Amino acid sequence: MLLMHDLEVSTSRFRSVVDAAYDAIITIDQQHHITLFNRAAEGLFGYDQEEMLDQPLEVLLPPAAREGHRGYVHQFARSPVRSRQMDERNRIYGLHKDGSRIPVEIAISKITVNGLVEFTAIIRDITDKVHLVDLLHRQAAVDDLTGLPNRREFNDVARSLFETENPLSILMMDLDNFKLVNDTYGHEGGDDVLKAFASIARETIGKEHIVARLGGEEFVACLINTNKEEALQIAENLRKKISDRDFSYSWPEDRAIPFTLSIGVAVKGTKDREMSNLLRRADEGLYLAKENGRNRVEAIG
């Protein structure tokens, strides 16, 4: 009788701790059916405990993760490891009742009960952490003012594209007399021009290509699967659109600021061994465009 009382007290204490836990706690049996689903799990996944007991765990997994999950659990069951932190490089997601995915961290452990293995997962919602990581990654890769990729991001992507066998062209672009724009309209006016150009360039060059801000008034575009003739046409279309003011843009305070653009063009050739060679030639083309009067396109090689 005393033993039964002690067991009831121990069980009650265990359930109180589990239900008070901040993290979701879920236990499954060898058939992958849920045998424990605490209050935090209810809050995380949107299901009541009564809905989930004896249900297959796959209900809480995104469809793409379901196929390989049973194999993973079987492998863990056969291994000598008693617990494991699921902190792989790829993010892990749970599936909410409403169909949305939840980024989570999971620690799993196993025990043997009456000769059968049970698995317990402690699951933590890391939505805020993921949002912060994504924000930091975006800040590291994107120019704050224009929303374009920054120099670092462009260099990483361009180097990867250079390694392929596909045609590749570079447009090196610089806004003409930008100091005069700043002197005339102030730095806020200069920022407005940079943002306007970024928007126009992105729209004109196309989403299939990469447009980035290198710094100041200097921009670059990497044109994928584009030969010299096509690159020159894209560059001329962009130059003319800006020179002719043939674009719509919502200027602050209805203050449309005129500006022009010089562009240097270079196309990947058989002698190019590094991306830096291509960028250097495009930069030479840009310098030539400036020397020849600005508001023009020049190609090197």
Protein backbone atom coordinates (compact mmCIF):
# COMPACT_ATOMS: atom_id res chain seq x y z
CA MET A 1 0.00 0.00 0.00
CA LEU A 2 2.87 2.33 0.91
CA LEU A 3 4.65 1.41 -2.32
CA MET A 4 1.55 2.27 -4.33
CA HIS A 5 1.26 5.61 -2.54
CA ASP A 6 4.91 6.44 -3.24
CA LEU A 7 4.42 5.55 -6.89
CA GLU A 8 1.38 7.82 -7.15
CA VAL A 9 3.28 10.67 -5.51
CA SER A 10 6.23 10.16 -7.85
CA THR A 11 3.97 10.04 -10.90
CA SER A 12 2.09 13.15 -9.81
CA ARG A 13 5.36 15.00 -9.23
CA PHE A 14 6.65 13.95 -12.66
CA ARG A 15 3.49 15.13 -14.43
CA SER A 16 3.56 18.45 -12.57
CA VAL A 17 7.13 19.07 -13.66
CA VAL A 18 6.39 18.07 -17.25
CA ASP A 19 3.29 20.26 -17.48
CA ALA A 20 5.09 23.23 -15.92
CA ALA A 21 8.04 22.96 -18.30
CA TYR A 22 8.73 25.93 -20.56
CA ASP A 23 9.65 23.66 -23.49
CA ALA A 24 7.37 21.25 -25.32
CA ILE A 25 7.86 17.64 -24.23
CA ILE A 26 6.59 14.77 -26.37
CA THR A 27 7.07 11.04 -25.88
CA ILE A 28 6.46 8.37 -28.52
CA ASP A 29 6.45 4.57 -28.36
CA GLN A 30 8.13 2.18 -30.77
CA GLN A 31 5.21 2.55 -33.20
CA HIS A 32 5.88 6.31 -33.24
CA HIS A 33 2.57 7.01 -31.52
CA ILE A 34 2.43 9.88 -29.05
CA THR A 35 2.11 8.82 -25.39
CA LEU A 36 2.87 12.16 -23.71
CA PHE A 37 2.04 15.68 -24.87
CA ASN A 38 2.56 18.44 -22.30
CA ARG A 39 0.97 21.88 -22.03
CA ALA A 40 3.89 23.62 -23.72
CA ALA A 41 3.46 21.23 -26.65
CA GLU A 42 -0.21 22.24 -26.82
CA GLY A 43 0.82 25.90 -27.00
CA LEU A 44 3.54 25.26 -29.57
CA PHE A 45 1.60 23.08 -31.99
CA GLY A 46 -1.98 24.25 -31.39
CA TYR A 47 -3.40 20.81 -30.53
CA ASP A 48 -5.02 19.72 -27.26
CA GLN A 49 -3.47 16.77 -25.49
CA GLU A 50 -6.60 14.68 -26.07
CA GLU A 51 -6.26 15.21 -29.83
CA MET A 52 -2.68 13.99 -29.95
CA LEU A 53 -2.44 11.00 -27.62
CA ASP A 54 -1.99 7.79 -29.65
CA GLN A 55 -1.58 9.81 -32.86
CA PRO A 56 1.46 9.25 -35.10
CA LEU A 57 4.23 11.78 -34.52
CA GLU A 58 4.34 12.52 -38.26
CA VAL A 59 1.27 14.73 -37.76
CA LEU A 60 3.64 17.31 -36.25
CA LEU A 61 6.20 17.12 -39.08
CA PRO A 62 6.19 19.01 -42.38
CA PRO A 63 5.46 16.63 -45.31
CA ALA A 64 9.04 16.85 -46.60
CA ALA A 65 10.42 15.58 -43.29
CA ARG A 66 8.05 12.65 -42.78
CA GLU A 67 9.59 10.14 -45.17
CA GLY A 68 13.02 10.06 -43.55
CA HIS A 69 11.93 10.50 -39.95
CA ARG A 70 11.14 6.86 -39.13
CA GLY A 71 14.49 5.77 -40.49
CA TYR A 72 16.22 8.35 -38.33
CA VAL A 73 14.38 7.14 -35.20
CA HIS A 74 15.21 3.49 -35.97
CA GLN A 75 18.86 4.39 -36.44
CA PHE A 76 18.88 6.25 -33.12
CA ALA A 77 17.17 3.28 -31.40
CA ARG A 78 19.97 0.93 -32.53
CA SER A 79 22.80 3.29 -31.60
CA PRO A 80 24.52 3.20 -28.19
CA VAL A 81 23.85 6.92 -27.74
CA ARG A 82 21.18 7.62 -25.13
CA SER A 83 20.45 11.24 -26.04
CA ARG A 84 21.14 13.56 -28.92
CA GLN A 85 20.84 17.27 -29.71
CA MET A 86 19.38 17.74 -33.16
CA ASP A 87 21.47 20.76 -34.15
CA GLU A 88 22.25 19.93 -37.75
CA ARG A 89 23.15 22.73 -40.16
CA ASN A 90 19.73 22.53 -41.80
CA ARG A 91 16.91 24.09 -39.86
CA ILE A 92 14.40 21.80 -38.20
CA TYR A 93 10.71 22.62 -38.42
CA GLY A 94 7.56 21.43 -36.71
CA LEU A 95 4.09 21.72 -38.22
CA HIS A 96 1.42 23.75 -36.42
CA LYS A 97 -2.23 22.74 -36.52
CA ASP A 98 -2.95 25.70 -38.80
CA GLY A 99 -0.43 24.41 -41.36
CA SER A 100 2.35 26.90 -40.61
CA ARG A 101 5.92 25.74 -40.05
CA ILE A 102 7.67 26.43 -36.72
CA PRO A 103 11.48 26.56 -36.49
CA VAL A 104 12.56 24.48 -33.49
CA GLU A 105 15.51 23.06 -31.61
CA ILE A 106 15.10 19.46 -30.46
CA ALA A 107 16.87 17.27 -27.91
CA ILE A 108 15.86 13.60 -27.97
CA SER A 109 16.49 10.78 -25.51
CA LYS A 110 15.49 7.16 -25.23
CA ILE A 111 14.68 4.78 -22.38
CA THR A 112 13.69 1.13 -22.25
CA VAL A 113 10.38 0.38 -20.54
CA ASN A 114 9.42 -3.30 -20.11
CA GLY A 115 11.80 -4.20 -22.92
CA LEU A 116 10.42 -1.59 -25.30
CA VAL A 117 12.17 1.62 -26.32
CA GLU A 118 10.42 4.94 -25.83
CA PHE A 119 11.64 8.27 -27.18
CA THR A 120 11.22 11.66 -25.56
CA ALA A 121 11.79 14.94 -27.39
CA ILE A 122 12.25 18.31 -25.70
CA ILE A 123 11.31 20.93 -28.28
CA ARG A 124 12.00 24.65 -28.13
CA ASP A 125 10.45 27.31 -30.36
CA ILE A 126 13.29 29.37 -31.90
CA THR A 127 11.20 31.65 -34.12
CA ASP A 128 12.69 34.82 -32.59
CA LYS A 129 16.22 33.44 -32.91
CA VAL A 130 15.67 32.53 -36.56
CA HIS A 131 14.26 35.99 -37.32
CA LEU A 132 17.33 37.58 -35.72
CA VAL A 133 19.75 35.33 -37.64
CA ASP A 134 17.95 36.11 -40.91
CA LEU A 135 18.04 39.82 -40.13
CA LEU A 136 21.77 39.74 -39.38
CA HIS A 137 22.41 37.76 -42.55
CA ARG A 138 20.42 40.26 -44.59
CA GLN A 139 22.26 43.18 -43.00
CA ALA A 140 25.58 41.54 -43.89
CA ALA A 141 24.54 40.96 -47.51
CA VAL A 142 22.35 43.94 -48.43
CA ASP A 143 23.04 47.65 -48.85
CA ASP A 144 20.86 49.50 -46.34
CA LEU A 145 20.06 52.49 -48.55
CA THR A 146 19.14 50.84 -51.85
CA GLY A 147 18.17 47.32 -50.81
CA LEU A 148 20.58 45.91 -53.43
CA PRO A 149 23.22 43.28 -52.64
CA ASN A 150 26.37 44.90 -51.26
CA ARG A 151 29.96 44.44 -52.47
CA ARG A 152 30.60 41.42 -50.26
CA GLU A 153 27.49 39.58 -51.40
CA PHE A 154 28.12 40.44 -55.05
CA ASN A 155 31.69 39.15 -54.92
CA ASP A 156 30.58 35.83 -53.41
CA VAL A 157 27.83 35.28 -55.98
CA ALA A 158 29.83 36.55 -58.97
CA ARG A 159 32.78 34.29 -58.19
CA SER A 160 30.46 31.28 -58.14
CA LEU A 161 28.92 32.28 -61.48
CA PHE A 162 32.36 32.81 -63.00
CA GLU A 163 33.25 29.17 -62.32
CA THR A 164 30.49 27.95 -64.64
CA GLU A 165 30.86 27.51 -68.40
CA ASN A 166 27.99 29.89 -69.14
CA PRO A 167 28.47 33.27 -70.87
CA LEU A 168 28.87 36.13 -68.41
CA SER A 169 29.01 39.90 -68.79
CA ILE A 170 29.72 42.70 -66.33
CA LEU A 171 28.36 46.24 -66.32
CA MET A 172 30.34 48.66 -64.17
CA MET A 173 28.13 51.73 -63.60
CA ASP A 174 28.75 55.14 -62.09
CA LEU A 175 26.41 58.10 -61.68
CA ASP A 176 27.86 61.15 -63.45
CA ASN A 177 28.88 64.23 -61.45
CA PHE A 178 27.37 62.83 -58.31
CA LYS A 179 29.24 65.31 -56.12
CA LEU A 180 27.40 68.08 -57.93
CA VAL A 181 24.08 66.36 -57.13
CA ASN A 182 25.02 66.30 -53.43
CA ASP A 183 26.20 69.91 -53.51
CA THR A 184 23.02 71.08 -55.25
CA TYR A 185 20.35 69.00 -53.50
CA GLY A 186 22.11 67.98 -50.29
CA HIS A 187 22.91 64.47 -49.11
CA GLU A 188 19.23 63.62 -48.80
CA GLY A 189 18.82 64.47 -52.48
CA GLY A 190 21.86 62.35 -53.27
CA ASP A 191 20.32 59.44 -51.37
CA ASP A 192 17.09 59.89 -53.31
CA VAL A 193 19.03 59.63 -56.58
CA LEU A 194 20.83 56.47 -55.44
CA LYS A 195 17.55 54.84 -54.45
CA ALA A 196 15.92 55.89 -57.70
CA PHE A 197 18.76 54.47 -59.76
CA ALA A 198 18.70 51.18 -57.83
CA SER A 199 14.98 50.79 -58.53
CA ILE A 200 15.32 51.66 -62.24
CA ALA A 201 18.38 49.44 -62.74
CA ARG A 202 16.74 46.47 -61.05
CA GLU A 203 13.63 46.83 -63.20
CA THR A 204 15.46 47.49 -66.48
CA ILE A 205 18.22 44.90 -66.18
CA GLY A 206 15.82 42.20 -64.97
CA LYS A 207 15.48 39.87 -62.01
CA GLU A 208 17.37 37.09 -63.80
CA HIS A 209 20.56 39.15 -63.44
CA ILE A 210 22.34 40.56 -60.38
CA VAL A 211 22.58 44.28 -59.65
CA ALA A 212 24.61 45.43 -56.64
CA ARG A 213 25.92 48.60 -55.05
CA LEU A 214 29.69 48.58 -54.62
CA GLY A 215 29.74 51.81 -52.61
CA GLY A 216 29.10 55.51 -53.05
CA GLU A 217 27.65 56.13 -56.51
CA GLU A 218 29.24 53.01 -58.04
CA PHE A 219 27.11 50.03 -59.03
CA VAL A 220 27.73 46.76 -60.85
CA ALA A 221 25.60 44.25 -62.71
CA CYS A 222 26.42 40.62 -63.48
CA LEU A 223 24.52 39.51 -66.57
CA ILE A 224 24.04 35.75 -66.70
CA ASN A 225 24.06 33.88 -70.03
CA THR A 226 24.59 37.19 -71.82
CA ASN A 227 26.99 37.80 -74.70
CA LYS A 228 28.65 41.09 -75.64
CA GLU A 229 25.96 42.26 -78.04
CA GLU A 230 23.20 41.57 -75.52
CA ALA A 231 25.16 43.21 -72.70
CA LEU A 232 25.73 46.36 -74.76
CA GLN A 233 22.02 46.54 -75.58
CA ILE A 234 21.01 46.19 -71.91
CA ALA A 235 23.56 48.84 -70.92
CA GLU A 236 22.41 51.26 -73.61
CA ASN A 237 18.73 50.73 -72.72
CA LEU A 238 19.48 51.61 -69.11
CA ARG A 239 21.65 54.62 -69.96
CA LYS A 240 19.08 56.03 -72.38
CA LYS A 241 16.14 55.45 -70.03
CA ILE A 242 17.87 57.50 -67.33
CA SER A 243 19.18 60.18 -69.70
CA ASP A 244 15.75 60.63 -71.32
CA ARG A 245 14.02 60.39 -67.93
CA ASP A 246 11.88 57.68 -69.47
CA PHE A 247 10.89 56.10 -66.18
CA SER A 248 8.40 56.55 -63.37
CA TYR A 249 9.62 56.96 -59.82
CA SER A 250 7.95 58.45 -56.74
CA TRP A 251 10.35 61.17 -55.74
CA PRO A 252 10.02 62.58 -52.21
CA GLU A 253 8.19 65.91 -52.15
CA ASP A 254 7.68 65.68 -55.93
CA ARG A 255 11.33 66.69 -56.42
CA ALA A 256 12.58 64.88 -59.54
CA ILE A 257 16.37 65.20 -59.71
CA PRO A 258 17.97 64.77 -63.14
CA PHE A 259 21.07 62.58 -63.42
CA THR A 260 22.98 60.55 -66.02
CA LEU A 261 24.98 57.36 -66.06
CA SER A 262 28.26 56.06 -67.49
CA ILE A 263 28.74 52.32 -68.04
CA GLY A 264 31.72 50.08 -68.75
CA VAL A 265 31.07 46.65 -70.28
CA ALA A 266 33.25 43.54 -70.22
CA VAL A 267 32.45 39.99 -71.35
CA LYS A 268 34.03 36.82 -70.01
CA GLY A 269 36.61 35.53 -72.44
CA THR A 270 38.68 32.37 -72.81
CA LYS A 271 41.73 34.09 -71.33
CA ASP A 272 39.93 35.18 -68.16
CA ARG A 273 41.14 33.10 -65.24
CA GLU A 274 39.55 35.06 -62.39
CA MET A 275 36.52 37.24 -61.82
CA SER A 276 38.87 40.10 -60.96
CA ASN A 277 40.06 40.19 -64.60
CA LEU A 278 36.51 40.74 -65.82
CA LEU A 279 35.80 43.41 -63.21
CA ARG A 280 39.03 45.22 -64.04
CA ARG A 281 38.14 45.39 -67.74
CA ALA A 282 34.64 46.63 -66.98
CA ASP A 283 36.18 49.29 -64.76
CA GLU A 284 38.49 50.31 -67.61
CA GLY A 285 35.43 50.64 -69.84
CA LEU A 286 33.78 52.85 -67.21
CA TYR A 287 36.88 55.07 -67.04
CA LEU A 288 36.85 55.37 -70.82
CA ALA A 289 33.16 56.36 -70.78
CA LYS A 290 33.97 59.11 -68.28
CA GLU A 291 36.94 60.31 -70.34
CA ASN A 292 34.86 60.42 -73.53
CA GLY A 293 32.27 62.76 -72.08
CA ARG A 294 30.11 60.74 -69.64
CA ASN A 295 26.54 59.56 -70.21
CA ARG A 296 27.75 56.80 -72.51
CA VAL A 297 28.59 53.10 -72.73
CA GLU A 298 32.08 51.75 -73.52
CA ALA A 299 33.20 48.13 -73.86
CA ILE A 300 36.67 46.71 -73.30
CA GLY A 301 37.61 43.43 -74.99
